[in-house]
N, C-alpha and C. Protein backbone atom coordinates (compact mmCIF):
# COMPACT_ATOMS: atom_id res chain seq x y z
N MET A 1 -70.87 49.15 -39.28
CA MET A 1 -72.03 48.09 -39.72
C MET A 1 -72.63 48.37 -40.95
N LYS A 2 -73.30 49.57 -41.19
CA LYS A 2 -73.91 49.82 -42.32
C LYS A 2 -72.84 49.89 -43.43
N CYS A 3 -71.57 50.02 -43.11
CA CYS A 3 -70.81 49.89 -44.58
C CYS A 3 -70.60 48.52 -45.07
N LYS A 4 -70.62 47.73 -44.06
CA LYS A 4 -70.65 46.40 -44.71
C LYS A 4 -71.59 45.77 -45.36
N ALA A 5 -72.80 46.23 -44.90
CA ALA A 5 -73.92 45.66 -45.76
C ALA A 5 -73.90 46.35 -47.02
N ASN A 6 -73.27 47.46 -47.15
CA ASN A 6 -73.45 48.39 -48.33
C ASN A 6 -72.40 47.42 -49.33
N ASN A 7 -71.28 47.13 -48.63
CA ASN A 7 -70.48 46.51 -49.55
C ASN A 7 -70.53 45.19 -50.05
N LEU A 8 -71.81 44.45 -48.93
CA LEU A 8 -72.20 43.34 -49.69
C LEU A 8 -73.16 43.32 -50.68
N THR A 9 -73.88 44.46 -50.62
CA THR A 9 -74.79 44.50 -51.50
C THR A 9 -74.06 44.91 -53.35
N ASN A 10 -73.11 45.61 -53.14
CA ASN A 10 -72.50 46.06 -53.93
C ASN A 10 -71.84 44.82 -54.75
N ALA A 11 -71.04 44.24 -54.00
CA ALA A 11 -70.23 42.83 -54.56
C ALA A 11 -71.73 41.87 -55.07
N LYS A 12 -72.92 41.75 -54.57
CA LYS A 12 -73.86 41.13 -55.29
C LYS A 12 -74.15 41.48 -56.53
N ARG A 13 -74.47 42.82 -56.88
CA ARG A 13 -74.91 43.55 -58.12
C ARG A 13 -73.74 43.43 -58.87
N ARG A 14 -72.59 43.38 -58.86
CA ARG A 14 -71.36 43.15 -59.68
C ARG A 14 -71.46 41.55 -60.06
N ALA A 15 -71.56 40.77 -59.37
CA ALA A 15 -71.67 39.45 -59.86
C ALA A 15 -72.80 38.67 -60.52
N ALA A 16 -73.99 39.58 -60.73
CA ALA A 16 -74.91 39.03 -61.21
C ALA A 16 -74.99 39.64 -62.84
N PHE A 17 -75.63 39.02 -63.77
CA PHE A 17 -75.80 39.33 -65.09
C PHE A 17 -76.95 40.65 -65.25
N THR A 18 -76.72 41.53 -66.16
CA THR A 18 -77.48 42.41 -66.47
C THR A 18 -78.75 42.12 -67.59
N LEU A 19 -79.64 42.65 -67.61
CA LEU A 19 -80.65 42.12 -68.50
C LEU A 19 -80.55 42.34 -69.71
N VAL A 20 -79.69 43.24 -70.37
CA VAL A 20 -79.08 43.24 -71.64
C VAL A 20 -78.04 42.19 -71.95
N GLU A 21 -77.29 42.05 -70.95
CA GLU A 21 -76.47 40.89 -71.09
C GLU A 21 -76.97 39.38 -71.42
N LEU A 22 -78.19 39.20 -70.89
CA LEU A 22 -78.94 38.26 -70.93
C LEU A 22 -79.65 38.31 -72.30
N LEU A 23 -80.17 39.47 -72.70
CA LEU A 23 -80.99 39.46 -73.89
C LEU A 23 -79.78 39.29 -74.98
N ALA A 24 -78.55 39.78 -75.05
CA ALA A 24 -77.83 39.31 -75.82
C ALA A 24 -77.30 38.17 -76.05
N ALA A 25 -77.36 37.34 -75.15
CA ALA A 25 -77.11 35.79 -74.98
C ALA A 25 -78.15 35.12 -75.86
N LEU A 26 -79.05 35.75 -75.38
CA LEU A 26 -80.46 35.11 -75.79
C LEU A 26 -80.58 35.06 -77.53
N ALA A 27 -80.08 36.38 -77.95
CA ALA A 27 -80.14 36.87 -79.45
C ALA A 27 -79.29 35.65 -80.06
N PHE A 28 -77.98 35.67 -79.45
CA PHE A 28 -76.77 34.76 -79.95
C PHE A 28 -77.13 33.27 -80.12
N MET A 29 -78.06 33.12 -79.04
CA MET A 29 -78.15 31.53 -79.18
C MET A 29 -79.33 31.24 -80.18
N ALA A 30 -80.01 32.51 -80.34
CA ALA A 30 -81.19 32.26 -81.62
C ALA A 30 -80.58 32.14 -82.65
N LEU A 31 -79.47 32.65 -83.15
CA LEU A 31 -78.84 32.36 -84.52
C LEU A 31 -77.84 31.22 -84.34
N VAL A 32 -77.51 30.78 -83.38
CA VAL A 32 -76.56 29.64 -83.44
C VAL A 32 -77.42 28.35 -83.40
N ILE A 33 -78.37 28.33 -82.86
CA ILE A 33 -79.30 26.89 -82.57
C ILE A 33 -79.80 26.51 -84.14
N PRO A 34 -80.38 27.43 -84.54
CA PRO A 34 -81.00 27.11 -86.26
C PRO A 34 -79.93 26.67 -87.12
N VAL A 35 -78.76 27.33 -86.95
CA VAL A 35 -77.45 26.81 -87.87
C VAL A 35 -76.97 25.66 -87.56
N THR A 36 -76.94 25.41 -86.31
CA THR A 36 -76.48 24.01 -85.60
C THR A 36 -77.37 22.99 -86.09
N MET A 37 -78.58 23.13 -86.24
CA MET A 37 -79.74 22.02 -86.45
C MET A 37 -79.75 21.66 -87.93
N HIS A 38 -79.29 22.99 -88.43
CA HIS A 38 -79.39 22.55 -90.24
C HIS A 38 -77.87 21.90 -90.57
N ALA A 39 -76.96 22.14 -90.09
CA ALA A 39 -75.69 21.35 -90.10
C ALA A 39 -75.82 19.92 -89.73
N LEU A 40 -76.52 19.80 -88.55
CA LEU A 40 -76.67 18.39 -88.15
C LEU A 40 -77.78 17.47 -89.48
N THR A 41 -78.60 17.96 -89.50
CA THR A 41 -79.45 17.67 -90.64
C THR A 41 -78.63 17.36 -92.34
N ILE A 42 -77.89 18.32 -92.29
CA ILE A 42 -77.03 18.12 -93.65
C ILE A 42 -76.13 16.59 -93.31
N ALA A 43 -75.31 16.73 -92.00
CA ALA A 43 -74.57 15.81 -91.71
C ALA A 43 -75.29 14.10 -91.67
N ASN A 44 -76.58 14.15 -91.14
CA ASN A 44 -77.18 12.95 -91.40
C ASN A 44 -77.81 12.58 -92.57
N ARG A 45 -78.36 13.48 -93.38
CA ARG A 45 -78.48 12.96 -94.67
C ARG A 45 -77.02 12.66 -95.76
N ALA A 46 -75.92 13.26 -95.44
CA ALA A 46 -74.92 12.74 -96.00
C ALA A 46 -74.59 11.58 -95.41
N GLY A 47 -74.81 11.11 -94.03
CA GLY A 47 -74.06 9.60 -93.60
C GLY A 47 -75.04 8.72 -94.15
N GLN A 48 -76.36 8.93 -94.28
CA GLN A 48 -77.31 7.92 -94.83
C GLN A 48 -77.07 7.65 -96.21
N VAL A 49 -76.88 8.77 -97.25
CA VAL A 49 -76.54 8.68 -98.37
C VAL A 49 -75.43 7.88 -98.48
N ALA A 50 -74.10 7.80 -97.85
CA ALA A 50 -73.03 7.17 -97.99
C ALA A 50 -73.26 5.87 -97.76
N GLN A 51 -74.08 5.80 -96.45
CA GLN A 51 -74.13 4.39 -95.98
C GLN A 51 -74.86 3.25 -97.10
N ARG A 52 -75.78 3.73 -97.80
CA ARG A 52 -76.58 3.30 -98.78
C ARG A 52 -76.02 3.27 -100.00
N LYS A 53 -74.92 4.14 -100.20
CA LYS A 53 -74.42 4.04 -101.60
C LYS A 53 -73.13 2.79 -101.23
N ALA A 54 -72.64 2.59 -100.07
CA ALA A 54 -71.84 1.49 -99.91
C ALA A 54 -72.79 0.22 -100.05
N LEU A 55 -74.12 -0.10 -99.58
CA LEU A 55 -74.75 -1.20 -99.79
C LEU A 55 -74.99 -1.27 -101.37
N ALA A 56 -75.39 -0.16 -102.09
CA ALA A 56 -75.35 -0.07 -103.50
C ALA A 56 -74.44 -0.86 -104.59
N ALA A 57 -73.17 -0.29 -103.80
CA ALA A 57 -71.91 -0.54 -104.62
C ALA A 57 -71.64 -2.38 -104.23
N ARG A 58 -72.12 -2.80 -103.30
CA ARG A 58 -72.01 -4.39 -103.03
C ARG A 58 -73.08 -5.04 -104.03
N VAL A 59 -74.25 -4.30 -103.96
CA VAL A 59 -75.54 -4.95 -105.07
C VAL A 59 -74.93 -4.87 -106.61
N VAL A 60 -74.29 -3.70 -107.06
CA VAL A 60 -73.58 -3.58 -108.23
C VAL A 60 -72.86 -4.88 -108.40
N ASP A 61 -71.78 -4.92 -107.36
CA ASP A 61 -70.84 -6.02 -107.63
C ASP A 61 -71.37 -7.26 -107.54
N ARG A 62 -72.52 -7.46 -106.80
CA ARG A 62 -73.00 -9.32 -107.04
C ARG A 62 -73.45 -9.21 -108.11
N ALA A 63 -74.40 -8.36 -108.72
CA ALA A 63 -75.30 -8.40 -109.88
C ALA A 63 -74.30 -8.56 -111.01
N LEU A 64 -73.36 -7.81 -110.90
CA LEU A 64 -72.29 -7.86 -112.35
C LEU A 64 -71.40 -9.25 -112.38
N ASN A 65 -70.79 -9.52 -111.37
CA ASN A 65 -70.34 -10.92 -111.39
C ASN A 65 -71.06 -12.01 -111.44
N GLU A 66 -72.53 -12.06 -110.96
CA GLU A 66 -73.40 -13.27 -111.37
C GLU A 66 -73.63 -13.06 -112.70
N TYR A 67 -73.91 -11.82 -113.22
CA TYR A 67 -74.17 -12.11 -114.90
C TYR A 67 -72.91 -12.45 -115.53
N VAL A 68 -71.69 -11.73 -115.07
CA VAL A 68 -70.61 -12.43 -116.08
C VAL A 68 -70.45 -13.95 -115.99
N VAL A 69 -70.64 -14.59 -114.83
CA VAL A 69 -70.20 -15.85 -114.42
C VAL A 69 -71.23 -16.77 -114.85
N VAL A 70 -72.73 -16.59 -114.87
CA VAL A 70 -73.68 -17.29 -114.96
C VAL A 70 -74.80 -16.96 -116.22
N GLY A 71 -74.94 -15.63 -116.38
CA GLY A 71 -75.39 -15.13 -117.38
C GLY A 71 -74.77 -14.82 -118.93
N ALA A 72 -73.65 -15.09 -119.11
CA ALA A 72 -73.06 -14.71 -119.92
C ALA A 72 -73.34 -15.08 -121.45
N THR A 73 -74.43 -16.11 -121.50
CA THR A 73 -74.87 -16.61 -122.71
C THR A 73 -76.00 -15.77 -122.99
N SER A 74 -76.79 -15.23 -122.18
CA SER A 74 -77.87 -14.54 -122.60
C SER A 74 -77.49 -13.22 -123.32
N ALA A 75 -78.39 -12.77 -124.02
CA ALA A 75 -78.10 -11.71 -124.81
C ALA A 75 -79.21 -10.55 -124.57
N SER A 76 -80.12 -10.96 -123.22
CA SER A 76 -81.00 -9.89 -123.00
C SER A 76 -80.45 -9.37 -121.66
N ALA A 77 -81.26 -7.97 -121.63
CA ALA A 77 -80.76 -7.34 -120.21
C ALA A 77 -81.24 -8.09 -119.15
N GLN A 78 -80.99 -7.75 -117.82
CA GLN A 78 -81.64 -8.34 -116.87
C GLN A 78 -81.97 -7.19 -115.86
N ARG A 79 -83.12 -7.49 -114.60
CA ARG A 79 -83.52 -6.50 -113.82
C ARG A 79 -83.81 -7.22 -112.62
N GLY A 80 -83.81 -6.59 -111.63
CA GLY A 80 -84.05 -7.18 -110.10
C GLY A 80 -84.05 -6.19 -109.33
N VAL A 81 -84.74 -6.57 -107.92
CA VAL A 81 -84.73 -5.99 -106.77
C VAL A 81 -84.46 -6.73 -105.85
N GLU A 82 -83.20 -6.29 -104.95
CA GLU A 82 -82.60 -6.51 -103.54
C GLU A 82 -83.04 -5.78 -102.49
N THR A 83 -83.49 -6.55 -101.46
CA THR A 83 -83.73 -5.72 -100.27
C THR A 83 -83.12 -5.90 -99.27
N ILE A 84 -82.25 -4.93 -98.64
CA ILE A 84 -81.52 -5.04 -97.83
C ILE A 84 -81.92 -3.84 -96.63
N GLY A 85 -82.44 -4.86 -95.34
CA GLY A 85 -82.87 -4.24 -94.25
C GLY A 85 -84.33 -3.84 -94.58
N GLN A 86 -84.39 -2.40 -94.58
CA GLN A 86 -85.83 -1.96 -95.16
C GLN A 86 -85.94 -1.09 -96.35
N VAL A 87 -84.55 -1.16 -97.08
CA VAL A 87 -84.25 -0.25 -98.34
C VAL A 87 -84.12 -1.33 -99.61
N GLU A 88 -85.00 -0.71 -100.82
CA GLU A 88 -85.00 -1.71 -101.64
C GLU A 88 -84.11 -1.12 -103.00
N PHE A 89 -83.30 -2.13 -103.47
CA PHE A 89 -82.30 -1.57 -104.33
C PHE A 89 -82.46 -2.10 -105.63
N SER A 90 -83.17 -1.34 -106.62
CA SER A 90 -83.42 -1.91 -108.18
C SER A 90 -82.32 -1.80 -108.87
N TRP A 91 -82.15 -2.74 -109.57
CA TRP A 91 -80.61 -2.94 -110.29
C TRP A 91 -81.30 -3.42 -111.74
N ALA A 92 -80.27 -2.96 -112.83
CA ALA A 92 -80.56 -3.24 -114.36
C ALA A 92 -79.13 -3.52 -114.75
N ILE A 93 -79.15 -4.60 -115.51
CA ILE A 93 -77.95 -4.85 -116.40
C ILE A 93 -78.45 -4.48 -117.85
N THR A 94 -77.64 -3.75 -118.64
CA THR A 94 -77.78 -3.30 -119.78
C THR A 94 -76.55 -3.89 -120.58
N LEU A 95 -76.59 -4.00 -121.88
CA LEU A 95 -75.36 -4.80 -122.77
C LEU A 95 -75.43 -3.91 -123.86
N GLU A 96 -74.10 -3.49 -124.51
CA GLU A 96 -73.91 -2.64 -125.56
C GLU A 96 -72.84 -3.34 -126.25
N ASN A 97 -72.37 -3.44 -127.53
CA ASN A 97 -71.68 -3.96 -128.17
C ASN A 97 -70.19 -2.77 -128.30
N TRP A 98 -69.16 -3.12 -128.31
CA TRP A 98 -68.06 -2.68 -128.06
C TRP A 98 -67.55 -2.24 -129.41
N ARG A 99 -67.13 -1.16 -129.52
CA ARG A 99 -66.63 -0.78 -130.69
C ARG A 99 -65.28 -1.50 -131.62
N GLU A 100 -64.76 -1.84 -130.72
CA GLU A 100 -63.63 -2.52 -130.88
C GLU A 100 -63.40 -4.09 -130.70
N ASP A 101 -62.93 -4.76 -131.49
CA ASP A 101 -62.73 -6.18 -131.24
C ASP A 101 -64.24 -6.85 -130.78
N ASN A 102 -64.18 -7.99 -130.57
CA ASN A 102 -65.36 -8.97 -130.50
C ASN A 102 -65.81 -8.63 -129.06
N MET A 103 -66.10 -7.74 -128.32
CA MET A 103 -66.45 -7.80 -127.00
C MET A 103 -67.76 -6.91 -126.57
N ARG A 104 -68.36 -7.01 -125.50
CA ARG A 104 -69.69 -6.43 -125.27
C ARG A 104 -69.47 -5.46 -123.74
N LEU A 105 -70.04 -4.36 -123.96
CA LEU A 105 -69.71 -3.77 -122.30
C LEU A 105 -71.01 -3.92 -121.79
N VAL A 106 -70.76 -4.38 -120.51
CA VAL A 106 -72.10 -4.68 -119.91
C VAL A 106 -72.17 -3.95 -118.50
N THR A 107 -73.01 -3.18 -118.51
CA THR A 107 -73.16 -2.04 -117.28
C THR A 107 -74.35 -2.56 -116.42
N CYS A 108 -74.01 -2.20 -114.85
CA CYS A 108 -75.07 -2.60 -114.01
C CYS A 108 -75.32 -1.38 -113.25
N GLU A 109 -76.38 -0.96 -113.08
CA GLU A 109 -76.89 0.41 -112.30
C GLU A 109 -77.99 0.09 -111.49
N VAL A 110 -77.58 0.45 -110.21
CA VAL A 110 -78.70 0.07 -108.92
C VAL A 110 -79.08 1.59 -108.39
N THR A 111 -80.53 1.84 -108.35
CA THR A 111 -81.13 3.02 -107.64
C THR A 111 -81.64 2.48 -106.64
N TYR A 112 -81.47 3.53 -105.81
CA TYR A 112 -81.95 3.53 -104.25
C TYR A 112 -82.47 4.87 -103.72
N PRO A 113 -83.22 4.87 -102.88
CA PRO A 113 -83.70 6.12 -102.19
C PRO A 113 -83.02 6.40 -100.86
N ALA A 114 -82.87 7.52 -100.71
CA ALA A 114 -82.29 8.07 -99.51
C ALA A 114 -82.75 9.64 -99.04
N GLN A 115 -83.47 9.90 -98.18
CA GLN A 115 -83.79 11.17 -97.79
C GLN A 115 -84.79 11.62 -98.69
N GLY A 116 -85.73 10.83 -99.25
CA GLY A 116 -86.64 11.31 -100.17
C GLY A 116 -86.24 11.58 -101.74
N GLN A 117 -85.11 11.27 -101.84
CA GLN A 117 -84.55 11.42 -103.32
C GLN A 117 -83.97 10.03 -103.84
N GLU A 118 -83.99 9.72 -105.27
CA GLU A 118 -83.19 8.37 -105.90
C GLU A 118 -82.07 8.92 -106.16
N TYR A 119 -80.83 8.08 -105.93
CA TYR A 119 -79.48 7.95 -106.16
C TYR A 119 -79.22 6.79 -106.94
N SER A 120 -78.16 7.02 -107.50
CA SER A 120 -77.82 5.57 -108.48
C SER A 120 -76.09 5.40 -108.11
N VAL A 121 -75.79 4.26 -108.35
CA VAL A 121 -74.47 3.61 -108.53
C VAL A 121 -74.40 2.93 -109.86
N ARG A 122 -73.30 3.19 -110.41
CA ARG A 122 -73.02 2.07 -111.87
C ARG A 122 -71.81 1.79 -111.91
N SER A 123 -71.65 0.44 -112.32
CA SER A 123 -70.39 -0.10 -112.69
C SER A 123 -70.33 -0.58 -114.14
N SER A 124 -69.47 -0.81 -114.89
CA SER A 124 -69.59 -1.51 -116.09
C SER A 124 -68.14 -2.24 -116.11
N THR A 125 -68.36 -3.47 -117.01
CA THR A 125 -67.07 -4.45 -117.45
C THR A 125 -66.89 -4.76 -118.93
N LEU A 126 -66.10 -5.10 -119.30
CA LEU A 126 -66.06 -5.60 -120.94
C LEU A 126 -65.77 -6.90 -120.86
N MET A 127 -66.51 -7.77 -121.60
CA MET A 127 -66.52 -9.43 -121.67
C MET A 127 -66.42 -9.71 -123.03
N GLY A 128 -66.06 -10.78 -123.18
CA GLY A 128 -65.80 -11.36 -124.80
C GLY A 128 -67.35 -11.98 -125.19
N MET A 129 -67.56 -11.50 -126.41
CA MET A 129 -68.82 -12.32 -127.07
C MET A 129 -68.64 -13.97 -127.02
N PRO A 130 -69.89 -14.27 -126.57
CA PRO A 130 -70.09 -15.99 -126.54
C PRO A 130 -69.51 -16.44 -127.93
N THR A 131 -68.76 -17.56 -128.24
CA THR A 131 -68.77 -17.79 -129.40
C THR A 131 -69.60 -19.03 -129.58
N ARG A 132 -70.00 -19.22 -131.07
CA ARG A 132 -70.91 -20.29 -131.16
C ARG A 132 -70.53 -21.24 -132.05
């Protein structure tokens, strides 16, 4: 009888974790969790910046197309703010004379905030000078 109880106690001891194994697992988790959280923060920032960049590209496209179609006769630069959701996209159109031919370089730049920083998207096109 005594032998059976001894074997049962030895089996329980072999099945349990030792204090050293538990401390090693905790130390490993103490290293892995902060690294994982930092990686998730970076992924979140990249996702938000990419999403807002796509929206800014739409704003650039709309503003540039509108200027080319409607505002081609005005020689002044234009500015504006477009709000999508809770984010404000500030856009500005600038004009430069093109070195060759009788053309103008029309550039639209949109700036937007993401994760506490300012980012921008820029697009340009050439258009003929208005004839008088």
